[in-house]
Amino acid sequence: MTRLALYDRVAEETASIVIRRYSTSFGLASKLLEPAVRQHVENIYALVRVADEIVDGPGVEAGLDSLGAARALNELERETEEAMEHGFSANLVVHAFALTARETGFGAELTEPFFESMRTDLSQSEHDQESFDRYVYGSAEVVGLMCLRVFLRGRNVSAGQQEKLETGAKALGAAFQKVNFLRDLAADFQALGRSYFPGVNVDSFTEADKIRLLDDIDADLRVSAAVIPQLPAGSRRAVALAQGLFTELAVRLRATPADHLVTARVRVPNPVKLRIAAAAALGRTPRS
């Protein structure tokens, strides 16, 4: 094994550790991916997690102000761009991400919108519809497009099929993000001073607000569910599991009174997660 091959392996092992420590749901879904696909997806999500932690996590706890966080985020983006171009980074998570980007054929056209959305969290606490749509695209939909590049690596698909799959990938990413916004409504507002949904006031959040937001989420989930059967076999079951978990979470959010959503965080119990995982492993795709 060459020294670079060893470095590549260590970088990818690092990416795997990062994401498995942060997300049990992701770890559950990733087990249903074929090994080569799984590693690339973990490489993507590890970088996404590190960027998110600069904005919302230990960076804040360590005392970084918004300017310091912005500098750290800009440096991470610069390192990512250079690694995608040259194939090396001293940052192991960035190096792993660049391996995936170079092998599956995406670049700054997807990373730039992502980092732009992350920077938005440092300076913008409320959104209108235009900025909200732009934020969701950069923070979530492009991640779906990155994963789709991994799923389709080495496969020839028609332009029409590619468009359908990209529409589904973006819809699923958008649904994930909106569900997270809704279940974290109180925490985002109270701890971070953010209100993502346009026209929604956390202090006067109503049942009508909740229903309107969930109707939009369900529409995204229907679009994404429709394309899951068209995904390659090596990724289809994992995506079905992710779809199923967020569909279940949306159902539970709908059943929770609006005034409870601003005081408590809704979760999917582990036995229910395992039931959804078992169904996905058997090839059953969820219906939204």
C-alpha atoms as a PDB file:
ATOM      1  CA  MET A   1       0.000   0.000   0.000  1.00  0.00           C
ATOM      2  CA  THR A   2       1.345   3.435  -0.924  1.00  0.00           C
ATOM      3  CA  ARG A   3       1.532   6.195   1.665  1.00  0.00           C
ATOM      4  CA  LEU A   4      -1.230   8.076  -0.156  1.00  0.00           C
ATOM      5  CA  ALA A   5      -3.471   5.002  -0.167  1.00  0.00           C
ATOM      6  CA  LEU A   6      -2.918   4.643   3.586  1.00  0.00           C
ATOM      7  CA  TYR A   7      -3.718   8.331   4.081  1.00  0.00           C
ATOM      8  CA  ASP A   8      -6.883   7.924   2.012  1.00  0.00           C
ATOM      9  CA  ARG A   9      -7.963   4.999   4.176  1.00  0.00           C
ATOM     10  CA  VAL A  10      -7.321   6.861   7.432  1.00  0.00           C
ATOM     11  CA  ALA A  11      -9.211   9.891   6.123  1.00  0.00           C
ATOM     12  CA  GLU A  12     -12.237   7.791   5.254  1.00  0.00           C
ATOM     13  CA  GLU A  13     -12.145   5.975   8.568  1.00  0.00           C
ATOM     14  CA  THR A  14     -12.138   9.378  10.244  1.00  0.00           C
ATOM     15  CA  ALA A  15     -15.168  10.489   8.239  1.00  0.00           C
ATOM     16  CA  SER A  16     -17.006   7.312   9.255  1.00  0.00           C
ATOM     17  CA  ILE A  17     -16.286   7.907  12.936  1.00  0.00           C
ATOM     18  CA  VAL A  18     -17.497  11.511  12.748  1.00  0.00           C
ATOM     19  CA  ILE A  19     -20.883  10.717  11.319  1.00  0.00           C
ATOM     20  CA  ARG A  20     -21.554   7.615  13.412  1.00  0.00           C
ATOM     21  CA  ARG A  21     -20.888   9.528  16.623  1.00  0.00           C
ATOM     22  CA  TYR A  22     -23.327  12.265  15.645  1.00  0.00           C
ATOM     23  CA  SER A  23     -26.318  10.493  14.105  1.00  0.00           C
ATOM     24  CA  THR A  24     -27.819   7.161  15.127  1.00  0.00           C
ATOM     25  CA  SER A  25     -30.484   7.436  12.422  1.00  0.00           C
ATOM     26  CA  PHE A  26     -27.864   8.011   9.757  1.00  0.00           C
ATOM     27  CA  GLY A  27     -25.804   5.126  11.071  1.00  0.00           C
ATOM     28  CA  LEU A  28     -28.856   2.885  10.850  1.00  0.00           C
ATOM     29  CA  ALA A  29     -29.640   3.921   7.273  1.00  0.00           C
ATOM     30  CA  SER A  30     -26.034   3.724   6.090  1.00  0.00           C
ATOM     31  CA  LYS A  31     -25.857   0.028   7.006  1.00  0.00           C
ATOM     32  CA  LEU A  32     -28.239  -0.655   4.120  1.00  0.00           C
ATOM     33  CA  LEU A  33     -25.915   0.939   1.566  1.00  0.00           C
ATOM     34  CA  GLU A  34     -23.499  -1.262  -0.360  1.00  0.00           C
ATOM     35  CA  PRO A  35     -19.998  -0.745   1.119  1.00  0.00           C
ATOM     36  CA  ALA A  36     -18.480   1.423  -1.627  1.00  0.00           C
ATOM     37  CA  VAL A  37     -21.528   3.669  -1.705  1.00  0.00           C
ATOM     38  CA  ARG A  38     -21.675   3.828   2.097  1.00  0.00           C
ATOM     39  CA  GLN A  39     -18.154   5.168   2.403  1.00  0.00           C
ATOM     40  CA  HIS A  40     -18.722   7.945  -0.108  1.00  0.00           C
ATOM     41  CA  VAL A  41     -21.952   9.008   1.595  1.00  0.00           C
ATOM     42  CA  GLU A  42     -20.208   9.036   4.970  1.00  0.00           C
ATOM     43  CA  ASN A  43     -17.440  11.187   3.463  1.00  0.00           C
ATOM     44  CA  ILE A  44     -20.055  13.720   2.357  1.00  0.00           C
ATOM     45  CA  TYR A  45     -21.958  13.827   5.616  1.00  0.00           C
ATOM     46  CA  ALA A  46     -18.817  14.152   7.728  1.00  0.00           C
ATOM     47  CA  LEU A  47     -17.901  17.437   6.043  1.00  0.00           C
ATOM     48  CA  VAL A  48     -21.496  18.647   6.325  1.00  0.00           C
ATOM     49  CA  ARG A  49     -21.413  17.873  10.048  1.00  0.00           C
ATOM     50  CA  VAL A  50     -18.120  19.671  10.636  1.00  0.00           C
ATOM     51  CA  ALA A  51     -19.425  22.792   8.888  1.00  0.00           C
ATOM     52  CA  ASP A  52     -22.603  22.666  10.965  1.00  0.00           C
ATOM     53  CA  GLU A  53     -20.577  22.328  14.157  1.00  0.00           C
ATOM     54  CA  ILE A  54     -18.624  25.485  13.314  1.00  0.00           C
ATOM     55  CA  VAL A  55     -21.890  27.382  13.090  1.00  0.00           C
ATOM     56  CA  ASP A  56     -23.952  25.852  15.889  1.00  0.00           C
ATOM     57  CA  GLY A  57     -21.898  23.491  18.023  1.00  0.00           C
ATOM     58  CA  PRO A  58     -18.509  23.416  19.751  1.00  0.00           C
ATOM     59  CA  GLY A  59     -17.314  26.491  17.902  1.00  0.00           C
ATOM     60  CA  VAL A  60     -19.932  28.524  19.752  1.00  0.00           C
ATOM     61  CA  GLU A  61     -19.267  26.715  23.035  1.00  0.00           C
ATOM     62  CA  ALA A  62     -15.542  27.384  22.653  1.00  0.00           C
ATOM     63  CA  GLY A  63     -16.269  31.104  22.498  1.00  0.00           C
ATOM     64  CA  LEU A  64     -16.056  31.803  18.779  1.00  0.00           C
ATOM     65  CA  ASP A  65     -18.015  34.928  17.926  1.00  0.00           C
ATOM     66  CA  SER A  66     -19.731  35.272  14.560  1.00  0.00           C
ATOM     67  CA  LEU A  67     -16.607  36.729  12.953  1.00  0.00           C
ATOM     68  CA  GLY A  68     -14.438  33.900  14.256  1.00  0.00           C
ATOM     69  CA  ALA A  69     -16.956  31.308  13.086  1.00  0.00           C
ATOM     70  CA  ALA A  70     -17.115  32.974   9.672  1.00  0.00           C
ATOM     71  CA  ARG A  71     -13.331  32.821   9.371  1.00  0.00           C
ATOM     72  CA  ALA A  72     -13.323  29.135  10.319  1.00  0.00           C
ATOM     73  CA  LEU A  73     -16.091  28.398   7.830  1.00  0.00           C
ATOM     74  CA  ASN A  74     -14.339  30.324   5.057  1.00  0.00           C
ATOM     75  CA  GLU A  75     -11.147  28.423   5.758  1.00  0.00           C
ATOM     76  CA  LEU A  76     -13.008  25.120   5.612  1.00  0.00           C
ATOM     77  CA  GLU A  77     -14.475  26.072   2.243  1.00  0.00           C
ATOM     78  CA  ARG A  78     -11.069  27.144   0.930  1.00  0.00           C
ATOM     79  CA  GLU A  79      -9.519  23.855   2.069  1.00  0.00           C
ATOM     80  CA  THR A  80     -12.386  21.937   0.454  1.00  0.00           C
ATOM     81  CA  GLU A  81     -12.001  23.713  -2.887  1.00  0.00           C
ATOM     82  CA  GLU A  82      -8.247  23.168  -2.912  1.00  0.00           C
ATOM     83  CA  ALA A  83      -8.622  19.494  -1.997  1.00  0.00           C
ATOM     84  CA  MET A  84     -11.193  18.939  -4.755  1.00  0.00           C
ATOM     85  CA  GLU A  85      -8.735  20.487  -7.204  1.00  0.00           C
ATOM     86  CA  HIS A  86      -5.494  18.875  -6.020  1.00  0.00           C
ATOM     87  CA  GLY A  87      -6.628  15.671  -4.275  1.00  0.00           C
ATOM     88  CA  PHE A  88      -5.066  16.326  -0.875  1.00  0.00           C
ATOM     89  CA  SER A  89      -5.840  18.073   2.403  1.00  0.00           C
ATOM     90  CA  ALA A  90      -4.166  18.058   5.804  1.00  0.00           C
ATOM     91  CA  ASN A  91      -7.716  18.017   7.213  1.00  0.00           C
ATOM     92  CA  LEU A  92      -8.723  14.350   7.163  1.00  0.00           C
ATOM     93  CA  VAL A  93     -12.462  15.016   6.830  1.00  0.00           C
ATOM     94  CA  VAL A  94     -11.869  17.420   3.950  1.00  0.00           C
ATOM     95  CA  HIS A  95      -9.526  14.924   2.301  1.00  0.00           C
ATOM     96  CA  ALA A  96     -12.187  12.191   2.487  1.00  0.00           C
ATOM     97  CA  PHE A  97     -14.818  14.519   1.045  1.00  0.00           C
ATOM     98  CA  ALA A  98     -12.521  15.490  -1.816  1.00  0.00           C
ATOM     99  CA  LEU A  99     -11.917  11.822  -2.642  1.00  0.00           C
ATOM    100  CA  THR A 100     -15.659  11.414  -3.133  1.00  0.00           C
ATOM    101  CA  ALA A 101     -16.124  14.663  -5.052  1.00  0.00           C
ATOM    102  CA  ARG A 102     -13.305  13.829  -7.470  1.00  0.00           C
ATOM    103  CA  GLU A 103     -14.410  10.227  -7.976  1.00  0.00           C
ATOM    104  CA  THR A 104     -18.109  10.989  -8.488  1.00  0.00           C
ATOM    105  CA  GLY A 105     -17.748  14.184 -10.488  1.00  0.00           C
ATOM    106  CA  PHE A 106     -19.079  17.117  -8.509  1.00  0.00           C
ATOM    107  CA  GLY A 107     -17.366  20.278  -7.371  1.00  0.00           C
ATOM    108  CA  ALA A 108     -17.914  23.893  -6.418  1.00  0.00           C
ATOM    109  CA  GLU A 109     -21.283  24.006  -8.196  1.00  0.00           C
ATOM    110  CA  LEU A 110     -22.603  22.070  -5.183  1.00  0.00           C
ATOM    111  CA  THR A 111     -20.219  23.099  -2.402  1.00  0.00           C
ATOM    112  CA  GLU A 112     -20.563  26.850  -2.942  1.00  0.00           C
ATOM    113  CA  PRO A 113     -24.338  26.917  -2.252  1.00  0.00           C
ATOM    114  CA  PHE A 114     -23.761  24.711   0.789  1.00  0.00           C
ATOM    115  CA  PHE A 115     -21.208  27.021   2.380  1.00  0.00           C
ATOM    116  CA  GLU A 116     -23.305  30.048   1.474  1.00  0.00           C
ATOM    117  CA  SER A 117     -26.211  28.620   3.472  1.00  0.00           C
ATOM    118  CA  MET A 118     -23.941  27.827   6.409  1.00  0.00           C
ATOM    119  CA  ARG A 119     -22.717  31.439   6.423  1.00  0.00           C
ATOM    120  CA  THR A 120     -26.308  32.638   6.409  1.00  0.00           C
ATOM    121  CA  ASP A 121     -26.782  31.121   9.865  1.00  0.00           C
ATOM    122  CA  LEU A 122     -24.127  33.481  11.191  1.00  0.00           C
ATOM    123  CA  SER A 123     -25.847  36.669  10.061  1.00  0.00           C
ATOM    124  CA  GLN A 124     -29.533  36.082   9.322  1.00  0.00           C
ATOM    125  CA  SER A 125     -32.131  35.146  11.943  1.00  0.00           C
ATOM    126  CA  GLU A 126     -35.307  35.400   9.852  1.00  0.00           C
ATOM    127  CA  HIS A 127     -36.172  34.511   6.260  1.00  0.00           C
ATOM    128  CA  ASP A 128     -38.570  35.571   3.562  1.00  0.00           C
ATOM    129  CA  GLN A 129     -39.689  32.962   1.030  1.00  0.00           C
ATOM    130  CA  GLU A 130     -36.842  33.692  -1.394  1.00  0.00           C
ATOM    131  CA  SER A 131     -34.083  33.469   1.197  1.00  0.00           C
ATOM    132  CA  PHE A 132     -35.709  30.403   2.784  1.00  0.00           C
ATOM    133  CA  ASP A 133     -35.801  28.559  -0.549  1.00  0.00           C
ATOM    134  CA  ARG A 134     -32.187  29.522  -1.198  1.00  0.00           C
ATOM    135  CA  TYR A 135     -31.174  28.370   2.282  1.00  0.00           C
ATOM    136  CA  VAL A 136     -32.920  24.989   1.952  1.00  0.00           C
ATOM    137  CA  TYR A 137     -31.344  24.429  -1.453  1.00  0.00           C
ATOM    138  CA  GLY A 138     -27.836  25.133  -0.173  1.00  0.00           C
ATOM    139  CA  SER A 139     -28.094  23.400   3.183  1.00  0.00           C
ATOM    140  CA  ALA A 140     -30.010  20.282   2.152  1.00  0.00           C
ATOM    141  CA  GLU A 141     -30.941  19.869  -1.501  1.00  0.00           C
ATOM    142  CA  VAL A 142     -27.333  20.039  -2.722  1.00  0.00           C
ATOM    143  CA  VAL A 143     -26.412  17.322  -0.212  1.00  0.00           C
ATOM    144  CA  GLY A 144     -29.082  15.149  -1.822  1.00  0.00           C
ATOM    145  CA  LEU A 145     -27.555  15.904  -5.220  1.00  0.00           C
ATOM    146  CA  MET A 146     -24.083  14.960  -3.942  1.00  0.00           C
ATOM    147  CA  CYS A 147     -25.416  11.637  -2.683  1.00  0.00           C
ATOM    148  CA  LEU A 148     -27.196  11.035  -5.981  1.00  0.00           C
ATOM    149  CA  ARG A 149     -23.869  11.463  -7.792  1.00  0.00           C
ATOM    150  CA  VAL A 150     -22.546   8.684  -5.580  1.00  0.00           C
ATOM    151  CA  PHE A 151     -25.545   6.437  -6.231  1.00  0.00           C
ATOM    152  CA  LEU A 152     -25.216   6.850 -10.012  1.00  0.00           C
ATOM    153  CA  ARG A 153     -21.425   6.524 -10.183  1.00  0.00           C
ATOM    154  CA  GLY A 154     -20.464   4.462 -13.211  1.00  0.00           C
ATOM    155  CA  ARG A 155     -24.031   4.236 -14.515  1.00  0.00           C
ATOM    156  CA  ASN A 156     -25.478   5.656 -17.701  1.00  0.00           C
ATOM    157  CA  VAL A 157     -28.893   7.248 -17.334  1.00  0.00           C
ATOM    158  CA  SER A 158     -30.877   9.300 -19.798  1.00  0.00           C
ATOM    159  CA  ALA A 159     -31.220  13.045 -19.403  1.00  0.00           C
ATOM    160  CA  GLY A 160     -34.891  12.602 -18.565  1.00  0.00           C
ATOM    161  CA  GLN A 161     -34.180   9.982 -15.920  1.00  0.00           C
ATOM    162  CA  GLN A 162     -31.400  12.113 -14.457  1.00  0.00           C
ATOM    163  CA  GLU A 163     -33.788  15.044 -14.125  1.00  0.00           C
ATOM    164  CA  LYS A 164     -36.404  12.909 -12.345  1.00  0.00           C
ATOM    165  CA  LEU A 165     -33.836  11.510  -9.930  1.00  0.00           C
ATOM    166  CA  GLU A 166     -32.421  14.957  -9.194  1.00  0.00           C
ATOM    167  CA  THR A 167     -35.922  16.283  -8.518  1.00  0.00           C
ATOM    168  CA  GLY A 168     -36.482  13.438  -6.066  1.00  0.00           C
ATOM    169  CA  ALA A 169     -33.110  13.934  -4.370  1.00  0.00           C
ATOM    170  CA  LYS A 170     -33.762  17.631  -3.868  1.00  0.00           C
ATOM    171  CA  ALA A 171     -37.272  16.979  -2.578  1.00  0.00           C
ATOM    172  CA  LEU A 172     -36.028  14.469  -0.015  1.00  0.00           C
ATOM    173  CA  GLY A 173     -33.290  16.832   1.147  1.00  0.00           C
ATOM    174  CA  ALA A 174     -35.823  19.663   1.462  1.00  0.00           C
ATOM    175  CA  ALA A 175     -38.222  17.447   3.426  1.00  0.00           C
ATOM    176  CA  PHE A 176     -35.448  16.419   5.827  1.00  0.00           C
ATOM    177  CA  GLN A 177     -34.495  20.011   6.467  1.00  0.00           C
ATOM    178  CA  LYS A 178     -38.046  21.273   6.923  1.00  0.00           C
ATOM    179  CA  VAL A 179     -38.908  18.434   9.306  1.00  0.00           C
ATOM    180  CA  ASN A 180     -35.835  19.270  11.369  1.00  0.00           C
ATOM    181  CA  PHE A 181     -36.787  22.953  11.399  1.00  0.00           C
ATOM    182  CA  LEU A 182     -40.280  22.095  12.612  1.00  0.00           C
ATOM    183  CA  ARG A 183     -39.295  19.717  15.383  1.00  0.00           C
ATOM    184  CA  ASP A 184     -36.506  22.105  16.507  1.00  0.00           C
ATOM    185  CA  LEU A 185     -38.759  25.153  16.294  1.00  0.00           C
ATOM    186  CA  ALA A 186     -38.407  26.157  19.931  1.00  0.00           C
ATOM    187  CA  ALA A 187     -34.713  25.277  20.293  1.00  0.00           C
ATOM    188  CA  ASP A 188     -33.685  27.237  17.198  1.00  0.00           C
ATOM    189  CA  PHE A 189     -35.609  30.278  18.386  1.00  0.00           C
ATOM    190  CA  GLN A 190     -34.735  30.194  22.079  1.00  0.00           C
ATOM    191  CA  ALA A 191     -31.096  29.068  21.888  1.00  0.00           C
ATOM    192  CA  LEU A 192     -30.025  30.498  18.529  1.00  0.00           C
ATOM    193  CA  GLY A 193     -32.522  33.291  17.906  1.00  0.00           C
ATOM    194  CA  ARG A 194     -33.490  31.859  14.516  1.00  0.00           C
ATOM    195  CA  SER A 195     -36.864  31.503  12.847  1.00  0.00           C
ATOM    196  CA  TYR A 196     -36.460  29.703   9.544  1.00  0.00           C
ATOM    197  CA  PHE A 197     -40.025  29.434   8.257  1.00  0.00           C
ATOM    198  CA  PRO A 198     -41.211  32.634   6.542  1.00  0.00           C
ATOM    199  CA  GLY A 199     -44.123  34.302   8.271  1.00  0.00           C
ATOM    200  CA  VAL A 200     -44.052  31.959  11.286  1.00  0.00           C
ATOM    201  CA  ASN A 201     -43.875  33.507  14.749  1.00  0.00           C
ATOM    202  CA  VAL A 202     -42.776  30.987  17.347  1.00  0.00           C
ATOM    203  CA  ASP A 203     -44.469  32.921  20.144  1.00  0.00           C
ATOM    204  CA  SER A 204     -47.833  32.660  18.385  1.00  0.00           C
ATOM    205  CA  PHE A 205     -47.396  29.378  16.522  1.00  0.00           C
ATOM    206  CA  THR A 206     -50.812  27.982  15.611  1.00  0.00           C
ATOM    207  CA  GLU A 207     -52.324  24.693  14.533  1.00  0.00           C
ATOM    208  CA  ALA A 208     -52.961  26.260  11.120  1.00  0.00           C
ATOM    209  CA  ASP A 209     -49.256  27.134  10.846  1.00  0.00           C
ATOM    210  CA  LYS A 210     -48.312  23.566  11.699  1.00  0.00           C
ATOM    211  CA  ILE A 211     -50.720  22.036   9.184  1.00  0.00           C
ATOM    212  CA  ARG A 212     -49.570  24.369   6.407  1.00  0.00           C
ATOM    213  CA  LEU A 213     -45.915  23.494   7.007  1.00  0.00           C
ATOM    214  CA  LEU A 214     -46.593  19.763   7.180  1.00  0.00           C
ATOM    215  CA  ASP A 215     -48.674  19.839   4.004  1.00  0.00           C
ATOM    216  CA  ASP A 216     -45.628  21.312   2.263  1.00  0.00           C
ATOM    217  CA  ILE A 217     -43.359  18.663   3.802  1.00  0.00           C
ATOM    218  CA  ASP A 218     -45.713  15.865   2.754  1.00  0.00           C
ATOM    219  CA  ALA A 219     -45.686  17.188  -0.805  1.00  0.00           C
ATOM    220  CA  ASP A 220     -41.870  16.940  -0.830  1.00  0.00           C
ATOM    221  CA  LEU A 221     -42.031  13.425   0.596  1.00  0.00           C
ATOM    222  CA  ARG A 222     -44.464  12.313  -2.106  1.00  0.00           C
ATOM    223  CA  VAL A 223     -42.110  13.553  -4.815  1.00  0.00           C
ATOM    224  CA  SER A 224     -39.112  11.783  -3.293  1.00  0.00           C
ATOM    225  CA  ALA A 225     -41.017   8.549  -2.611  1.00  0.00           C
ATOM    226  CA  ALA A 226     -42.012   8.315  -6.275  1.00  0.00           C
ATOM    227  CA  VAL A 227     -38.400   8.008  -7.473  1.00  0.00           C
ATOM    228  CA  ILE A 228     -37.025   5.631  -4.847  1.00  0.00           C
ATOM    229  CA  PRO A 229     -37.888   2.515  -6.916  1.00  0.00           C
ATOM    230  CA  GLN A 230     -35.776   3.976  -9.748  1.00  0.00           C
ATOM    231  CA  LEU A 231     -32.597   4.183  -7.654  1.00  0.00           C
ATOM    232  CA  PRO A 232     -29.835   1.579  -8.035  1.00  0.00           C
ATOM    233  CA  ALA A 233     -30.283  -1.466  -5.805  1.00  0.00           C
ATOM    234  CA  GLY A 234     -27.168  -0.629  -3.769  1.00  0.00           C
ATOM    235  CA  SER A 235     -28.707   2.574  -2.444  1.00  0.00           C
ATOM    236  CA  ARG A 236     -32.464   2.056  -2.748  1.00  0.00           C
ATOM    237  CA  ARG A 237     -33.074   0.385   0.631  1.00  0.00           C
ATOM    238  CA  ALA A 238     -31.100   2.979   2.585  1.00  0.00           C
ATOM    239  CA  VAL A 239     -32.944   5.858   0.937  1.00  0.00           C
ATOM    240  CA  ALA A 240     -36.237   4.072   1.610  1.00  0.00           C
ATOM    241  CA  LEU A 241     -35.286   3.827   5.278  1.00  0.00           C
ATOM    242  CA  ALA A 242     -34.412   7.522   5.479  1.00  0.00           C
ATOM    243  CA  GLN A 243     -37.672   8.367   3.703  1.00  0.00           C
ATOM    244  CA  GLY A 244     -39.585   6.116   6.110  1.00  0.00           C
ATOM    245  CA  LEU A 245     -38.019   7.637   9.215  1.00  0.00           C
ATOM    246  CA  PHE A 246     -38.844  11.196   8.190  1.00  0.00           C
ATOM    247  CA  THR A 247     -42.310  10.226   7.008  1.00  0.00           C
ATOM    248  CA  GLU A 248     -42.952   8.726  10.441  1.00  0.00           C
ATOM    249  CA  LEU A 249     -41.580  11.834  12.106  1.00  0.00           C
ATOM    250  CA  ALA A 250     -43.888  14.021  10.002  1.00  0.00           C
ATOM    251  CA  VAL A 251     -46.854  11.870  11.059  1.00  0.00           C
ATOM    252  CA  ARG A 252     -45.908  12.305  14.710  1.00  0.00           C
ATOM    253  CA  LEU A 253     -45.470  16.053  14.285  1.00  0.00           C
ATOM    254  CA  ARG A 254     -48.940  16.260  12.754  1.00  0.00           C
ATOM    255  CA  ALA A 255     -50.378  14.394  15.743  1.00  0.00           C
ATOM    256  CA  THR A 256     -48.664  16.748  18.220  1.00  0.00           C
ATOM    257  CA  PRO A 257     -50.570  19.918  19.182  1.00  0.00           C
ATOM    258  CA  ALA A 258     -48.930  23.095  17.934  1.00  0.00           C
ATOM    259  CA  ASP A 259     -48.417  24.482  21.432  1.00  0.00           C
ATOM    260  CA  HIS A 260     -46.492  21.325  22.392  1.00  0.00           C
ATOM    261  CA  LEU A 261     -44.125  21.691  19.447  1.00  0.00           C
ATOM    262  CA  VAL A 262     -42.783  24.935  20.850  1.00  0.00           C
ATOM    263  CA  THR A 263     -41.903  23.280  24.171  1.00  0.00           C
ATOM    264  CA  ALA A 264     -40.862  19.710  23.318  1.00  0.00           C
ATOM    265  CA  ARG A 265     -38.865  17.871  20.644  1.00  0.00           C
ATOM    266  CA  VAL A 266     -40.723  15.046  18.887  1.00  0.00           C
ATOM    267  CA  ARG A 267     -38.760  11.851  18.271  1.00  0.00           C
ATOM    268  CA  VAL A 268     -39.276   8.479  16.628  1.00  0.00           C
ATOM    269  CA  PRO A 269     -38.839   5.751  19.309  1.00  0.00           C
ATOM    270  CA  ASN A 270     -36.079   3.213  18.656  1.00  0.00           C
ATOM    271  CA  PRO A 271     -38.468   0.228  18.299  1.00  0.00           C
ATOM    272  CA  VAL A 272     -40.332   2.129  15.567  1.00  0.00           C
ATOM    273  CA  LYS A 273     -37.044   2.964  13.851  1.00  0.00           C
ATOM    274  CA  LEU A 274     -36.142  -0.725  13.854  1.00  0.00           C
ATOM    275  CA  ARG A 275     -39.528  -1.650  12.399  1.00  0.00           C
ATOM    276  CA  ILE A 276     -39.068   0.867   9.579  1.00  0.00           C
ATOM    277  CA  ALA A 277     -35.516  -0.403   9.029  1.00  0.00           C
ATOM    278  CA  ALA A 278     -36.741  -3.987   8.774  1.00  0.00           C
ATOM    279  CA  ALA A 279     -39.339  -2.993   6.186  1.00  0.00           C
ATOM    280  CA  ALA A 280     -36.721  -1.104   4.152  1.00  0.00           C
ATOM    281  CA  ALA A 281     -34.315  -4.045   4.331  1.00  0.00           C
ATOM    282  CA  LEU A 282     -37.032  -6.205   2.795  1.00  0.00           C
ATOM    283  CA  GLY A 283     -37.380  -3.753  -0.058  1.00  0.00           C
ATOM    284  CA  ARG A 284     -40.616  -2.111   1.024  1.00  0.00           C
ATOM    285  CA  THR A 285     -40.712   1.524  -0.029  1.00  0.00           C
ATOM    286  CA  PRO A 286     -42.705   3.980   2.094  1.00  0.00           C
ATOM    287  CA  ARG A 287     -45.727   5.795   0.756  1.00  0.00           C
ATOM    288  CA  SER A 288     -46.251   9.404   1.732  1.00  0.00           C
END
